[in-house]
C-alpha atoms as a PDB file:
ATOM      1  CA  UNK A   1      -3.555  -2.726  -0.379  1.00  0.00           C
ATOM      2  CA  UNK A   2      -6.350  -0.765   1.061  1.00  0.00           C
ATOM      3  CA  UNK A   3      -6.690   1.770   4.008  1.00  0.00           C
ATOM      4  CA  UNK A   4     -10.057   1.256   6.027  1.00  0.00           C
ATOM      5  CA  UNK A   5     -11.701   2.922   8.998  1.00  0.00           C
ATOM      6  CA  UNK A   6     -14.813   3.034  10.733  1.00  0.00           C
ATOM      7  CA  UNK A   7     -17.643   4.995   8.961  1.00  0.00           C
ATOM      8  CA  UNK A   8     -18.884   8.173  10.074  1.00  0.00           C
ATOM      9  CA  UNK A   9     -22.062   7.153  10.176  1.00  0.00           C
ATOM     10  CA  UNK A  10     -21.156   5.348  13.420  1.00  0.00           C
ATOM     11  CA  UNK A  11     -22.528   7.895  16.048  1.00  0.00           C
ATOM     12  CA  UNK A  12     -21.113   6.200  19.109  1.00  0.00           C
ATOM     13  CA  UNK A  13     -17.390   6.452  18.432  1.00  0.00           C
ATOM     14  CA  UNK A  14     -15.401   9.151  17.088  1.00  0.00           C
ATOM     15  CA  UNK A  15     -11.613   9.717  17.307  1.00  0.00           C
ATOM     16  CA  UNK A  16     -11.397  13.516  18.130  1.00  0.00           C
ATOM     17  CA  UNK A  17      -7.735  14.224  18.016  1.00  0.00           C
ATOM     18  CA  UNK A  18      -4.267  12.239  18.132  1.00  0.00           C
ATOM     19  CA  UNK A  19      -0.747  13.262  18.493  1.00  0.00           C
ATOM     20  CA  UNK A  20       2.223  13.426  20.877  1.00  0.00           C
ATOM     21  CA  UNK A  21       1.817   9.773  21.729  1.00  0.00           C
ATOM     22  CA  UNK A  22      -1.703   9.687  22.877  1.00  0.00           C
ATOM     23  CA  UNK A  23      -5.614   9.768  21.298  1.00  0.00           C
ATOM     24  CA  UNK A  24      -8.581  11.488  22.418  1.00  0.00           C
ATOM     25  CA  UNK A  25     -11.445   9.296  21.898  1.00  0.00           C
ATOM     26  CA  UNK A  26     -15.596   9.277  22.423  1.00  0.00           C
ATOM     27  CA  UNK A  27     -17.268   6.141  23.037  1.00  0.00           C
ATOM     28  CA  UNK A  28     -20.742   6.916  23.333  1.00  0.00           C
ATOM     29  CA  UNK A  29     -21.281   9.822  26.128  1.00  0.00           C
ATOM     30  CA  UNK A  30     -17.615   9.508  27.185  1.00  0.00           C
ATOM     31  CA  UNK A  31     -14.561  11.033  26.006  1.00  0.00           C
ATOM     32  CA  UNK A  32     -11.229   9.016  26.743  1.00  0.00           C
ATOM     33  CA  UNK A  33      -7.614   9.817  26.998  1.00  0.00           C
ATOM     34  CA  UNK A  34      -5.312   7.093  26.164  1.00  0.00           C
ATOM     35  CA  UNK A  35      -1.699   6.611  25.316  1.00  0.00           C
ATOM     36  CA  UNK A  36      -1.061   5.692  21.645  1.00  0.00           C
ATOM     37  CA  UNK A  37       2.587   4.650  20.860  1.00  0.00           C
ATOM     38  CA  UNK A  38       1.830   5.402  16.991  1.00  0.00           C
ATOM     39  CA  UNK A  39       0.764   8.894  17.536  1.00  0.00           C
ATOM     40  CA  UNK A  40       4.362  10.347  16.389  1.00  0.00           C
ATOM     41  CA  UNK A  41       2.560  13.581  15.217  1.00  0.00           C
ATOM     42  CA  UNK A  42       1.866  16.906  17.045  1.00  0.00           C
ATOM     43  CA  UNK A  43      -1.868  17.279  18.441  1.00  0.00           C
ATOM     44  CA  UNK A  44      -4.257  19.330  16.651  1.00  0.00           C
ATOM     45  CA  UNK A  45      -6.140  20.844  19.522  1.00  0.00           C
ATOM     46  CA  UNK A  46      -4.349  22.576  22.704  1.00  0.00           C
ATOM     47  CA  UNK A  47      -3.574  20.791  25.800  1.00  0.00           C
ATOM     48  CA  UNK A  48      -6.228  22.848  27.496  1.00  0.00           C
ATOM     49  CA  UNK A  49      -8.795  21.916  24.981  1.00  0.00           C
ATOM     50  CA  UNK A  50      -7.901  18.342  25.623  1.00  0.00           C
ATOM     51  CA  UNK A  51      -8.596  18.525  29.300  1.00  0.00           C
ATOM     52  CA  UNK A  52     -11.874  20.392  28.853  1.00  0.00           C
ATOM     53  CA  UNK A  53     -13.007  17.426  26.572  1.00  0.00           C
ATOM     54  CA  UNK A  54     -11.642  14.407  28.796  1.00  0.00           C
ATOM     55  CA  UNK A  55     -13.872  12.328  31.354  1.00  0.00           C
ATOM     56  CA  UNK A  56     -11.247   9.743  31.799  1.00  0.00           C
ATOM     57  CA  UNK A  57      -7.770   9.559  31.649  1.00  0.00           C
ATOM     58  CA  UNK A  58      -5.258   6.621  31.497  1.00  0.00           C
ATOM     59  CA  UNK A  59      -1.956   6.777  33.524  1.00  0.00           C
ATOM     60  CA  UNK A  60       0.556   4.350  32.333  1.00  0.00           C
ATOM     61  CA  UNK A  61       2.069   2.062  35.126  1.00  0.00           C
ATOM     62  CA  UNK A  62       5.517   0.682  36.067  1.00  0.00           C
ATOM     63  CA  UNK A  63       5.211  -1.751  33.054  1.00  0.00           C
ATOM     64  CA  UNK A  64       5.211   0.766  30.380  1.00  0.00           C
ATOM     65  CA  UNK A  65       7.693  -0.392  27.528  1.00  0.00           C
ATOM     66  CA  UNK A  66       7.741  -4.049  28.986  1.00  0.00           C
ATOM     67  CA  UNK A  67       6.814  -6.677  26.518  1.00  0.00           C
ATOM     68  CA  UNK A  68       3.353  -7.993  27.874  1.00  0.00           C
ATOM     69  CA  UNK A  69       2.909  -5.143  30.593  1.00  0.00           C
ATOM     70  CA  UNK A  70       3.210  -2.018  28.777  1.00  0.00           C
ATOM     71  CA  UNK A  71      -0.770  -1.418  28.628  1.00  0.00           C
ATOM     72  CA  UNK A  72      -0.682  -1.680  32.796  1.00  0.00           C
ATOM     73  CA  UNK A  73      -1.728   1.430  34.432  1.00  0.00           C
ATOM     74  CA  UNK A  74      -4.316   3.269  36.087  1.00  0.00           C
ATOM     75  CA  UNK A  75      -7.677   5.326  35.366  1.00  0.00           C
ATOM     76  CA  UNK A  76      -8.231   9.119  36.369  1.00  0.00           C
ATOM     77  CA  UNK A  77     -11.919   9.737  36.421  1.00  0.00           C
ATOM     78  CA  UNK A  78     -13.162  13.614  36.217  1.00  0.00           C
ATOM     79  CA  UNK A  79     -16.600  13.932  37.785  1.00  0.00           C
ATOM     80  CA  UNK A  80     -19.085  10.729  38.051  1.00  0.00           C
ATOM     81  CA  UNK A  81     -17.841   8.849  35.021  1.00  0.00           C
ATOM     82  CA  UNK A  82     -19.366   4.949  35.103  1.00  0.00           C
ATOM     83  CA  UNK A  83     -16.914   2.402  35.208  1.00  0.00           C
ATOM     84  CA  UNK A  84     -18.944   0.507  32.671  1.00  0.00           C
ATOM     85  CA  UNK A  85     -21.435   1.726  29.889  1.00  0.00           C
ATOM     86  CA  UNK A  86     -23.318   0.671  26.698  1.00  0.00           C
ATOM     87  CA  UNK A  87     -22.492   1.762  23.112  1.00  0.00           C
ATOM     88  CA  UNK A  88     -24.293   0.716  20.117  1.00  0.00           C
ATOM     89  CA  UNK A  89     -22.931  -0.327  16.799  1.00  0.00           C
ATOM     90  CA  UNK A  90     -25.122   0.164  13.815  1.00  0.00           C
ATOM     91  CA  UNK A  91     -23.370  -0.859  10.853  1.00  0.00           C
ATOM     92  CA  UNK A  92     -23.733   0.733   6.931  1.00  0.00           C
ATOM     93  CA  UNK A  93     -25.847  -2.593   6.002  1.00  0.00           C
ATOM     94  CA  UNK A  94     -29.216  -3.317   7.196  1.00  0.00           C
ATOM     95  CA  UNK A  95     -29.350  -5.621   9.932  1.00  0.00           C
ATOM     96  CA  UNK A  96     -25.909  -5.371  11.297  1.00  0.00           C
ATOM     97  CA  UNK A  97     -26.901  -3.569  14.633  1.00  0.00           C
ATOM     98  CA  UNK A  98     -25.375  -4.865  18.124  1.00  0.00           C
ATOM     99  CA  UNK A  99     -24.349  -3.603  21.489  1.00  0.00           C
ATOM    100  CA  UNK A 100     -21.163  -3.589  23.508  1.00  0.00           C
ATOM    101  CA  UNK A 101     -20.615  -3.140  27.185  1.00  0.00           C
ATOM    102  CA  UNK A 102     -17.458  -1.372  27.790  1.00  0.00           C
ATOM    103  CA  UNK A 103     -15.493  -1.000  30.758  1.00  0.00           C
ATOM    104  CA  UNK A 104     -12.256   0.608  32.671  1.00  0.00           C
ATOM    105  CA  UNK A 105     -10.170  -2.523  32.520  1.00  0.00           C
ATOM    106  CA  UNK A 106      -6.809  -2.951  34.750  1.00  0.00           C
ATOM    107  CA  UNK A 107      -5.180  -2.147  31.102  1.00  0.00           C
ATOM    108  CA  UNK A 108      -5.856   0.704  28.797  1.00  0.00           C
ATOM    109  CA  UNK A 109      -8.237  -1.321  26.811  1.00  0.00           C
ATOM    110  CA  UNK A 110     -12.100  -0.679  27.270  1.00  0.00           C
ATOM    111  CA  UNK A 111     -13.729  -3.826  25.448  1.00  0.00           C
ATOM    112  CA  UNK A 112     -13.910  -2.596  21.991  1.00  0.00           C
ATOM    113  CA  UNK A 113     -11.490  -2.052  19.310  1.00  0.00           C
ATOM    114  CA  UNK A 114     -13.293   0.302  17.102  1.00  0.00           C
ATOM    115  CA  UNK A 115     -10.694   0.164  13.852  1.00  0.00           C
ATOM    116  CA  UNK A 116     -12.435  -3.445  13.718  1.00  0.00           C
ATOM    117  CA  UNK A 117     -15.703  -2.041  12.349  1.00  0.00           C
ATOM    118  CA  UNK A 118     -14.627  -2.643   8.698  1.00  0.00           C
ATOM    119  CA  UNK A 119     -13.743  -6.380   9.306  1.00  0.00           C
ATOM    120  CA  UNK A 120     -17.184  -6.581  11.051  1.00  0.00           C
ATOM    121  CA  UNK A 121     -18.775  -5.313   7.945  1.00  0.00           C
ATOM    122  CA  UNK A 122     -16.877  -7.975   5.703  1.00  0.00           C
ATOM    123  CA  UNK A 123     -17.717 -10.416   8.163  1.00  0.00           C
ATOM    124  CA  UNK A 124     -21.284  -9.640   8.139  1.00  0.00           C
ATOM    125  CA  UNK A 125     -21.717  -9.232   4.126  1.00  0.00           C
ATOM    126  CA  UNK A 126     -19.795 -12.459   3.472  1.00  0.00           C
ATOM    127  CA  UNK A 127     -21.905 -14.544   6.236  1.00  0.00           C
ATOM    128  CA  UNK A 128     -25.519 -12.997   4.921  1.00  0.00           C
ATOM    129  CA  UNK A 129     -24.076 -14.056   1.353  1.00  0.00           C
ATOM    130  CA  UNK A 130     -23.627 -17.620   2.618  1.00  0.00           C
ATOM    131  CA  UNK A 131     -26.670 -17.939   4.856  1.00  0.00           C
ATOM    132  CA  UNK A 132     -28.659 -16.679   1.828  1.00  0.00           C
ATOM    133  CA  UNK A 133     -27.024 -19.466  -0.654  1.00  0.00           C
ATOM    134  CA  UNK A 134     -27.473 -22.263   1.932  1.00  0.00           C
ATOM    135  CA  UNK A 135     -31.158 -21.115   2.191  1.00  0.00           C
ATOM    136  CA  UNK A 136     -31.925 -21.361  -1.732  1.00  0.00           C
ATOM    137  CA  UNK A 137     -30.116 -24.859  -1.409  1.00  0.00           C
ATOM    138  CA  UNK A 138     -31.731 -26.204   1.423  1.00  0.00           C
ATOM    139  CA  UNK A 139     -28.309 -26.577   3.284  1.00  0.00           C
ATOM    140  CA  UNK A 140     -27.813 -26.022   6.989  1.00  0.00           C
ATOM    141  CA  UNK A 141     -26.805 -22.610   8.081  1.00  0.00           C
ATOM    142  CA  UNK A 142     -22.881 -21.885   7.536  1.00  0.00           C
ATOM    143  CA  UNK A 143     -20.771 -21.943  10.671  1.00  0.00           C
ATOM    144  CA  UNK A 144     -18.230 -19.239  11.538  1.00  0.00           C
ATOM    145  CA  UNK A 145     -15.432 -19.747  13.929  1.00  0.00           C
ATOM    146  CA  UNK A 146     -13.792 -16.805  16.235  1.00  0.00           C
ATOM    147  CA  UNK A 147     -10.593 -17.489  17.382  1.00  0.00           C
ATOM    148  CA  UNK A 148      -9.124 -15.240  20.146  1.00  0.00           C
ATOM    149  CA  UNK A 149     -12.318 -13.728  20.145  1.00  0.00           C
ATOM    150  CA  UNK A 150     -11.985 -10.924  22.860  1.00  0.00           C
ATOM    151  CA  UNK A 151     -15.451  -9.686  23.866  1.00  0.00           C
ATOM    152  CA  UNK A 152     -17.080 -10.559  20.519  1.00  0.00           C
ATOM    153  CA  UNK A 153     -17.948  -7.918  18.205  1.00  0.00           C
ATOM    154  CA  UNK A 154     -16.981 -10.002  15.087  1.00  0.00           C
ATOM    155  CA  UNK A 155     -19.114 -13.079  16.705  1.00  0.00           C
ATOM    156  CA  UNK A 156     -22.096 -10.710  16.963  1.00  0.00           C
ATOM    157  CA  UNK A 157     -21.644  -9.239  13.218  1.00  0.00           C
ATOM    158  CA  UNK A 158     -21.716 -13.296  12.167  1.00  0.00           C
ATOM    159  CA  UNK A 159     -24.578 -14.116  14.531  1.00  0.00           C
ATOM    160  CA  UNK A 160     -26.465 -11.019  13.499  1.00  0.00           C
ATOM    161  CA  UNK A 161     -25.864 -12.353   9.536  1.00  0.00           C
ATOM    162  CA  UNK A 162     -27.678 -15.769  10.456  1.00  0.00           C
ATOM    163  CA  UNK A 163     -24.701 -17.974  11.072  1.00  0.00           C
ATOM    164  CA  UNK A 164     -24.069 -20.524  13.585  1.00  0.00           C
ATOM    165  CA  UNK A 165     -21.083 -19.276  15.827  1.00  0.00           C
ATOM    166  CA  UNK A 166     -18.385 -20.673  17.665  1.00  0.00           C
ATOM    167  CA  UNK A 167     -16.960 -17.885  20.366  1.00  0.00           C
ATOM    168  CA  UNK A 168     -13.265 -19.485  21.344  1.00  0.00           C
ATOM    169  CA  UNK A 169     -11.141 -17.367  23.823  1.00  0.00           C
ATOM    170  CA  UNK A 170      -8.622 -18.795  26.613  1.00  0.00           C
ATOM    171  CA  UNK A 171      -9.736 -16.152  29.133  1.00  0.00           C
ATOM    172  CA  UNK A 172     -13.098 -16.942  30.888  1.00  0.00           C
ATOM    173  CA  UNK A 173     -13.805 -13.461  31.844  1.00  0.00           C
ATOM    174  CA  UNK A 174     -13.920 -12.074  28.624  1.00  0.00           C
ATOM    175  CA  UNK A 175     -15.998 -14.891  27.130  1.00  0.00           C
ATOM    176  CA  UNK A 176     -18.515 -14.033  30.005  1.00  0.00           C
ATOM    177  CA  UNK A 177     -18.283 -10.264  29.118  1.00  0.00           C
ATOM    178  CA  UNK A 178     -19.168 -11.413  25.293  1.00  0.00           C
ATOM    179  CA  UNK A 179     -22.206 -13.556  26.269  1.00  0.00           C
ATOM    180  CA  UNK A 180     -23.239 -10.407  28.209  1.00  0.00           C
ATOM    181  CA  UNK A 181     -22.622  -8.400  24.799  1.00  0.00           C
ATOM    182  CA  UNK A 182     -24.799 -10.985  22.913  1.00  0.00           C
ATOM    183  CA  UNK A 183     -27.680 -11.010  25.358  1.00  0.00           C
ATOM    184  CA  UNK A 184     -27.680  -7.172  25.119  1.00  0.00           C
ATOM    185  CA  UNK A 185     -27.868  -7.434  21.455  1.00  0.00           C
ATOM    186  CA  UNK A 186     -30.799  -9.585  21.784  1.00  0.00           C
ATOM    187  CA  UNK A 187     -29.280 -12.653  19.984  1.00  0.00           C
ATOM    188  CA  UNK A 188     -28.897 -15.919  21.151  1.00  0.00           C
ATOM    189  CA  UNK A 189     -27.255 -19.584  20.626  1.00  0.00           C
ATOM    190  CA  UNK A 190     -23.378 -18.425  20.365  1.00  0.00           C
ATOM    191  CA  UNK A 191     -21.386 -21.543  21.159  1.00  0.00           C
ATOM    192  CA  UNK A 192     -19.033 -20.607  23.850  1.00  0.00           C
ATOM    193  CA  UNK A 193     -15.513 -22.279  24.274  1.00  0.00           C
ATOM    194  CA  UNK A 194     -12.795 -21.332  26.701  1.00  0.00           C
ATOM    195  CA  UNK A 195      -9.560 -23.205  25.342  1.00  0.00           C
ATOM    196  CA  UNK A 196      -6.180 -22.879  23.635  1.00  0.00           C
ATOM    197  CA  UNK A 197      -7.215 -21.952  20.123  1.00  0.00           C
ATOM    198  CA  UNK A 198      -4.126 -24.111  18.713  1.00  0.00           C
ATOM    199  CA  UNK A 199      -5.498 -27.087  20.618  1.00  0.00           C
ATOM    200  CA  UNK A 200      -9.102 -26.604  19.538  1.00  0.00           C
ATOM    201  CA  UNK A 201      -8.091 -26.138  15.713  1.00  0.00           C
ATOM    202  CA  UNK A 202      -6.250 -29.412  15.845  1.00  0.00           C
ATOM    203  CA  UNK A 203      -8.994 -31.402  17.500  1.00  0.00           C
ATOM    204  CA  UNK A 204     -11.670 -29.860  14.943  1.00  0.00           C
ATOM    205  CA  UNK A 205      -9.322 -31.276  11.942  1.00  0.00           C
ATOM    206  CA  UNK A 206      -9.089 -34.593  13.725  1.00  0.00           C
ATOM    207  CA  UNK A 207     -12.880 -34.752  13.762  1.00  0.00           C
ATOM    208  CA  UNK A 208     -13.200 -33.561  10.314  1.00  0.00           C
ATOM    209  CA  UNK A 209     -15.127 -30.690  11.340  1.00  0.00           C
ATOM    210  CA  UNK A 210     -14.972 -27.462   8.829  1.00  0.00           C
ATOM    211  CA  UNK A 211     -16.161 -23.903   9.084  1.00  0.00           C
ATOM    212  CA  UNK A 212     -17.536 -21.885   6.284  1.00  0.00           C
ATOM    213  CA  UNK A 213     -16.026 -18.391   8.170  1.00  0.00           C
ATOM    214  CA  UNK A 214     -13.091 -18.455  10.410  1.00  0.00           C
ATOM    215  CA  UNK A 215     -11.757 -15.495  11.981  1.00  0.00           C
ATOM    216  CA  UNK A 216      -8.455 -14.423  13.640  1.00  0.00           C
ATOM    217  CA  UNK A 217      -7.186 -12.045  15.688  1.00  0.00           C
ATOM    218  CA  UNK A 218      -4.211 -13.199  17.441  1.00  0.00           C
ATOM    219  CA  UNK A 219      -1.946 -11.506  20.287  1.00  0.00           C
ATOM    220  CA  UNK A 220       1.500 -10.746  20.207  1.00  0.00           C
ATOM    221  CA  UNK A 221       1.605 -12.815  23.408  1.00  0.00           C
ATOM    222  CA  UNK A 222      -0.700 -14.719  25.460  1.00  0.00           C
ATOM    223  CA  UNK A 223      -1.442 -18.096  27.403  1.00  0.00           C
ATOM    224  CA  UNK A 224      -4.238 -20.641  27.201  1.00  0.00           C
ATOM    225  CA  UNK A 225      -6.338 -21.676  29.874  1.00  0.00           C
ATOM    226  CA  UNK A 226      -4.080 -24.551  30.886  1.00  0.00           C
ATOM    227  CA  UNK A 227      -0.843 -22.370  31.015  1.00  0.00           C
ATOM    228  CA  UNK A 228      -0.386 -22.970  27.016  1.00  0.00           C
ATOM    229  CA  UNK A 229       2.276 -20.207  25.624  1.00  0.00           C
ATOM    230  CA  UNK A 230       1.664 -18.303  22.548  1.00  0.00           C
ATOM    231  CA  UNK A 231       3.944 -15.975  20.816  1.00  0.00           C
ATOM    232  CA  UNK A 232       2.737 -14.564  17.560  1.00  0.00           C
ATOM    233  CA  UNK A 233       6.226 -15.097  15.495  1.00  0.00           C
ATOM    234  CA  UNK A 234       6.807 -18.638  16.743  1.00  0.00           C
ATOM    235  CA  UNK A 235       3.230 -19.773  16.373  1.00  0.00           C
ATOM    236  CA  UNK A 236       1.283 -17.827  13.650  1.00  0.00           C
ATOM    237  CA  UNK A 237       2.220 -19.576  10.800  1.00  0.00           C
ATOM    238  CA  UNK A 238       1.588 -23.187  12.228  1.00  0.00           C
ATOM    239  CA  UNK A 239      -1.795 -21.467  13.599  1.00  0.00           C
ATOM    240  CA  UNK A 240      -2.988 -20.858   9.857  1.00  0.00           C
ATOM    241  CA  UNK A 241      -1.717 -24.309   8.818  1.00  0.00           C
ATOM    242  CA  UNK A 242      -3.962 -25.750  11.349  1.00  0.00           C
ATOM    243  CA  UNK A 243      -6.906 -23.488  10.578  1.00  0.00           C
ATOM    244  CA  UNK A 244      -6.614 -23.948   6.581  1.00  0.00           C
ATOM    245  CA  UNK A 245      -7.466 -27.693   7.555  1.00  0.00           C
ATOM    246  CA  UNK A 246     -10.756 -26.769   9.069  1.00  0.00           C
ATOM    247  CA  UNK A 247     -11.866 -23.907   6.340  1.00  0.00           C
ATOM    248  CA  UNK A 248     -14.010 -25.487   4.032  1.00  0.00           C
ATOM    249  CA  UNK A 249     -12.655 -25.804   0.826  1.00  0.00           C
ATOM    250  CA  UNK A 250     -15.346 -23.665  -1.190  1.00  0.00           C
ATOM    251  CA  UNK A 251     -18.027 -20.759   0.012  1.00  0.00           C
ATOM    252  CA  UNK A 252     -15.908 -19.805   2.702  1.00  0.00           C
ATOM    253  CA  UNK A 253     -14.017 -17.022   4.041  1.00  0.00           C
ATOM    254  CA  UNK A 254     -11.109 -16.061   6.351  1.00  0.00           C
ATOM    255  CA  UNK A 255     -10.262 -12.678   8.402  1.00  0.00           C
ATOM    256  CA  UNK A 256      -7.003 -12.297   9.828  1.00  0.00           C
ATOM    257  CA  UNK A 257      -5.866  -9.251  11.748  1.00  0.00           C
ATOM    258  CA  UNK A 258      -2.888  -8.475  13.359  1.00  0.00           C
ATOM    259  CA  UNK A 259      -1.653  -5.788  15.844  1.00  0.00           C
ATOM    260  CA  UNK A 260       1.882  -6.610  15.976  1.00  0.00           C
ATOM    261  CA  UNK A 261       4.536  -3.982  15.382  1.00  0.00           C
ATOM    262  CA  UNK A 262       6.461  -4.771  12.508  1.00  0.00           C
ATOM    263  CA  UNK A 263       4.130  -6.831  10.723  1.00  0.00           C
ATOM    264  CA  UNK A 264       3.023  -5.559   7.142  1.00  0.00           C
ATOM    265  CA  UNK A 265       0.165  -6.276   5.344  1.00  0.00           C
ATOM    266  CA  UNK A 266       1.864  -7.774   2.638  1.00  0.00           C
ATOM    267  CA  UNK A 267       3.904 -10.166   4.954  1.00  0.00           C
ATOM    268  CA  UNK A 268       0.001 -11.087   6.230  1.00  0.00           C
ATOM    269  CA  UNK A 269      -0.636 -11.904   2.655  1.00  0.00           C
ATOM    270  CA  UNK A 270       2.013 -14.093   1.998  1.00  0.00           C
ATOM    271  CA  UNK A 271       1.345 -16.058   5.174  1.00  0.00           C
ATOM    272  CA  UNK A 272      -2.247 -16.527   3.920  1.00  0.00           C
ATOM    273  CA  UNK A 273      -1.335 -17.600   0.511  1.00  0.00           C
ATOM    274  CA  UNK A 274       1.055 -19.939   1.688  1.00  0.00           C
ATOM    275  CA  UNK A 275      -1.141 -21.701   4.117  1.00  0.00           C
ATOM    276  CA  UNK A 276      -4.522 -21.457   2.350  1.00  0.00           C
ATOM    277  CA  UNK A 277      -3.915 -21.070  -1.310  1.00  0.00           C
ATOM    278  CA  UNK A 278      -1.362 -23.747  -2.502  1.00  0.00           C
ATOM    279  CA  UNK A 279      -3.802 -26.739  -2.351  1.00  0.00           C
ATOM    280  CA  UNK A 280      -7.001 -25.200  -2.335  1.00  0.00           C
ATOM    281  CA  UNK A 281      -7.952 -21.989  -4.686  1.00  0.00           C
ATOM    282  CA  UNK A 282      -8.522 -18.955  -3.383  1.00  0.00           C
ATOM    283  CA  UNK A 283     -10.932 -16.700  -5.000  1.00  0.00           C
ATOM    284  CA  UNK A 284      -9.956 -13.564  -3.884  1.00  0.00           C
ATOM    285  CA  UNK A 285      -7.461 -11.919  -1.278  1.00  0.00           C
ATOM    286  CA  UNK A 286      -7.533  -8.381   0.254  1.00  0.00           C
ATOM    287  CA  UNK A 287      -4.952  -7.046   2.351  1.00  0.00           C
ATOM    288  CA  UNK A 288      -4.555  -3.482   3.934  1.00  0.00           C
ATOM    289  CA  UNK A 289      -4.625  -1.674   6.944  1.00  0.00           C
ATOM    290  CA  UNK A 290      -7.049  -0.525   9.634  1.00  0.00           C
ATOM    291  CA  UNK A 291      -6.654   3.045  10.652  1.00  0.00           C
ATOM    292  CA  UNK A 292      -8.755   5.684  12.831  1.00  0.00           C
ATOM    293  CA  UNK A 293      -8.960   8.881  10.968  1.00  0.00           C
ATOM    294  CA  UNK A 294      -9.403  12.100  13.674  1.00  0.00           C
ATOM    295  CA  UNK A 295     -11.590  14.843  12.983  1.00  0.00           C
ATOM    296  CA  UNK A 296      -8.727  16.815  11.428  1.00  0.00           C
ATOM    297  CA  UNK A 297      -7.702  14.113   8.958  1.00  0.00           C
ATOM    298  CA  UNK A 298      -4.905  12.304  10.362  1.00  0.00           C
ATOM    299  CA  UNK A 299      -4.754   8.635  10.111  1.00  0.00           C
ATOM    300  CA  UNK A 300      -3.812   6.454  12.771  1.00  0.00           C
ATOM    301  CA  UNK A 301      -2.825   3.167  11.573  1.00  0.00           C
ATOM    302  CA  UNK A 302      -3.422   0.172  14.140  1.00  0.00           C
ATOM    303  CA  UNK A 303      -3.307  -3.008  12.827  1.00  0.00           C
ATOM    304  CA  UNK A 304      -3.252  -4.965   9.419  1.00  0.00           C
ATOM    305  CA  UNK A 305      -5.859  -7.229   8.108  1.00  0.00           C
ATOM    306  CA  UNK A 306      -6.022  -9.862   5.245  1.00  0.00           C
ATOM    307  CA  UNK A 307      -9.373 -11.375   4.005  1.00  0.00           C
ATOM    308  CA  UNK A 308      -9.764 -14.218   1.919  1.00  0.00           C
ATOM    309  CA  UNK A 309     -12.626 -15.838   0.285  1.00  0.00           C
ATOM    310  CA  UNK A 310     -12.904 -19.331  -1.630  1.00  0.00           C
END
């Protein structure tokens, strides 16, 4: 099991400090202060230093502590902070370079989860290798499917590597947001789908469609566009089983990311092995935690990942 965090070379993001159930982050030109339940330790900087550094503070609302509503609240801005602004992700690999629009949403999210950068690096590296192999063999470009795709950073990583990308999310507004990120990154021709992920995976299996790369980052709770209910504990293994039918048996990869509290990397690895590796051999499986490391060396664990190749 490994711990991975964004490279220090990413100039548009840094975790300045963490502690006392909060995190202090710089996204481009703005510093944001947000709640963070996993920051159980003390802050390194003083409260006065946090206040001086902060441009925008998120205040939790009445839903704090309630499942599905704990992230609701309001933003308090200091000075003339914009509601939307751009940052750039320039990866460690040549060619991995895209733009992301950030925004102060009604929840504490801003349109990107920076701890996901190591997954973007993996997606770009694996996709690039598949593209080169396909070109050498005169085959079509590999297809990559991003389920629960949010504002699309993983989709952009796959597209920048040269794949045919399908981006799926059940919320039309975030798909529109992702399309804007594609356009701002000077990329094109991503396929956009607004649908329930489970329904889409089952339909693709019936049609015999397969993908060389599949990315899953499912929420703990959610709803499809037609009111379909998603609960991670009840639906995850079924989802993985359905997806296993549409992942190509060779020359393919899977990325699974989970934020739900109580899920371990070993649990994720076992789920992937059971869903993907019993009938079709898996070349490699790696699992671990994605963390943000603040300027004082404190590791803030935020999600677990499993990456598999065939």
